[in-house]
Amino acid sequence: MTTYEQALKIAEILDKKIAQDIKVIEITDVTILADYMVIATGRSSTQVKALADEVEFRMDELGVSVNHIEGHRSNSWILLDYVDIIVNVFNEEARDFYDLERLWQDGREIDISEVLK
């Protein structure tokens, strides 16, 4: 599975758990940190944790293990680092505050409509 396919799969997993406003941004030409940034919003701290847990569980099933997790005890933002893909799951307030879409605006937003239900 390519990194691109993994990023789409993560978006699909988040969508199945009813994440809000899912974005996949290709940042290959912008930074050496990763190839893709996946951003999603949960409606509550419980959902933020459930979304991150589901991504970790489902990707692990596919043989793709998370390299590092930040904010797992947080109720507003959890980051899953898959080396080439960084997944950010926020509550609405934290997403508005950090505004990662603006930060990565030089990246290319990927059309994920075909993987969303």
Protein backbone atom coordinates (compact mmCIF):
# COMPACT_ATOMS: atom_id res chain seq x y z
CA MET A 1 0.00 0.00 0.00
CA THR A 2 1.48 3.34 -1.05
CA THR A 3 1.63 6.32 1.28
CA TYR A 4 -1.09 7.98 -0.81
CA GLU A 5 -3.34 4.91 -0.41
CA GLN A 6 -2.63 4.87 3.33
CA ALA A 7 -3.65 8.53 3.64
CA LEU A 8 -6.91 7.80 1.79
CA LYS A 9 -7.52 4.75 3.99
CA ILE A 10 -7.07 6.88 7.11
CA ALA A 11 -9.62 9.37 5.75
CA GLU A 12 -12.02 6.49 5.10
CA ILE A 13 -11.54 5.11 8.63
CA LEU A 14 -12.21 8.55 10.11
CA ASP A 15 -15.31 8.96 7.95
CA LYS A 16 -16.73 5.62 9.07
CA LYS A 17 -16.44 6.81 12.67
CA ILE A 18 -18.29 10.01 11.71
CA ALA A 19 -15.38 12.45 11.95
CA GLN A 20 -16.17 15.95 10.74
CA ASP A 21 -14.44 18.04 8.06
CA ILE A 22 -11.79 15.48 7.04
CA LYS A 23 -8.92 16.87 4.96
CA VAL A 24 -5.91 15.20 3.37
CA ILE A 25 -3.16 17.60 2.35
CA GLU A 26 -0.11 16.55 0.36
CA ILE A 27 2.86 18.38 1.86
CA THR A 28 5.70 16.60 0.05
CA ASP A 29 6.87 19.77 -1.71
CA VAL A 30 6.46 21.94 1.39
CA THR A 31 8.38 20.07 4.10
CA ILE A 32 10.50 17.03 4.82
CA LEU A 33 8.37 16.22 7.90
CA ALA A 34 5.92 13.99 6.03
CA ASP A 35 4.20 13.44 2.69
CA TYR A 36 0.61 13.85 3.89
CA MET A 37 -1.24 15.65 6.66
CA VAL A 38 -4.65 14.24 7.60
CA ILE A 39 -6.88 16.52 9.67
CA ALA A 40 -10.25 15.67 11.21
CA THR A 41 -12.58 16.95 13.91
CA GLY A 42 -14.42 15.05 16.62
CA ARG A 43 -17.53 16.46 18.26
CA SER A 44 -16.39 15.68 21.80
CA SER A 45 -13.26 14.66 23.71
CA THR A 46 -14.60 11.10 23.77
CA GLN A 47 -14.98 11.07 20.00
CA VAL A 48 -11.53 12.59 19.46
CA LYS A 49 -10.01 9.68 21.41
CA ALA A 50 -12.25 7.11 19.69
CA LEU A 51 -11.27 8.43 16.24
CA ALA A 52 -7.55 8.26 17.02
CA ASP A 53 -7.91 4.80 18.56
CA GLU A 54 -9.81 3.53 15.51
CA VAL A 55 -7.19 4.82 13.07
CA GLU A 56 -4.43 3.20 15.11
CA PHE A 57 -6.33 -0.11 15.38
CA ARG A 58 -7.39 -0.34 11.71
CA MET A 59 -4.01 0.69 10.32
CA ASP A 60 -2.30 -1.81 12.62
CA GLU A 61 -4.58 -4.50 11.15
CA LEU A 62 -3.24 -3.50 7.72
CA GLY A 63 0.34 -3.89 8.95
CA VAL A 64 0.98 -0.15 9.29
CA SER A 65 2.02 0.71 12.84
CA VAL A 66 1.99 4.18 14.31
CA ASN A 67 5.49 5.49 15.01
CA HIS A 68 4.54 7.97 17.74
CA ILE A 69 1.43 9.35 19.45
CA GLU A 70 1.09 12.77 21.08
CA GLY A 71 -1.76 14.11 23.17
CA HIS A 72 -3.42 10.79 23.99
CA ARG A 73 -4.30 12.17 27.40
CA SER A 74 -5.51 15.39 25.87
CA ASN A 75 -9.19 16.03 25.37
CA SER A 76 -8.68 18.39 22.44
CA TRP A 77 -5.97 17.13 20.04
CA ILE A 78 -4.33 13.79 19.31
CA LEU A 79 -1.53 13.42 16.79
CA LEU A 80 -0.63 10.06 15.22
CA ASP A 81 2.76 10.03 13.48
CA TYR A 82 3.04 7.41 10.74
CA VAL A 83 6.40 8.91 9.58
CA ASP A 84 5.15 9.77 6.06
CA ILE A 85 1.63 10.64 7.26
CA ILE A 86 0.71 12.80 10.22
CA VAL A 87 -2.85 12.44 11.48
CA ASN A 88 -4.34 15.24 13.58
CA VAL A 89 -7.66 14.66 15.34
CA PHE A 90 -9.02 17.78 17.03
CA ASN A 91 -12.07 18.95 18.86
CA GLU A 92 -13.66 21.92 17.10
CA GLU A 93 -12.17 24.61 19.33
CA ALA A 94 -8.60 23.30 19.04
CA ARG A 95 -8.91 22.88 15.27
CA ASP A 96 -10.03 26.49 14.91
CA PHE A 97 -7.22 27.65 17.19
CA TYR A 98 -4.35 25.78 15.48
CA ASP A 99 -5.76 26.27 11.95
CA LEU A 100 -3.48 23.70 10.31
CA GLU A 101 -5.13 24.22 6.93
CA ARG A 102 -3.75 27.76 6.92
CA LEU A 103 -0.36 26.55 8.12
CA TRP A 104 -0.16 23.99 5.30
CA GLN A 105 -1.90 26.13 2.66
CA ASP A 106 1.09 25.71 0.33
CA GLY A 107 0.34 21.98 0.25
CA ARG A 108 -2.13 20.40 -2.17
CA GLU A 109 -5.50 19.34 -0.80
CA ILE A 110 -6.40 15.87 -2.05
CA ASP A 111 -9.92 15.17 -3.30
CA ILE A 112 -11.15 12.45 -0.94
CA SER A 113 -14.80 12.49 -2.03
CA GLU A 114 -14.55 8.98 -3.48
CA VAL A 115 -13.59 7.45 -0.11
CA LEU A 116 -16.16 9.33 1.96
CA LYS A 117 -19.67 7.93 2.44
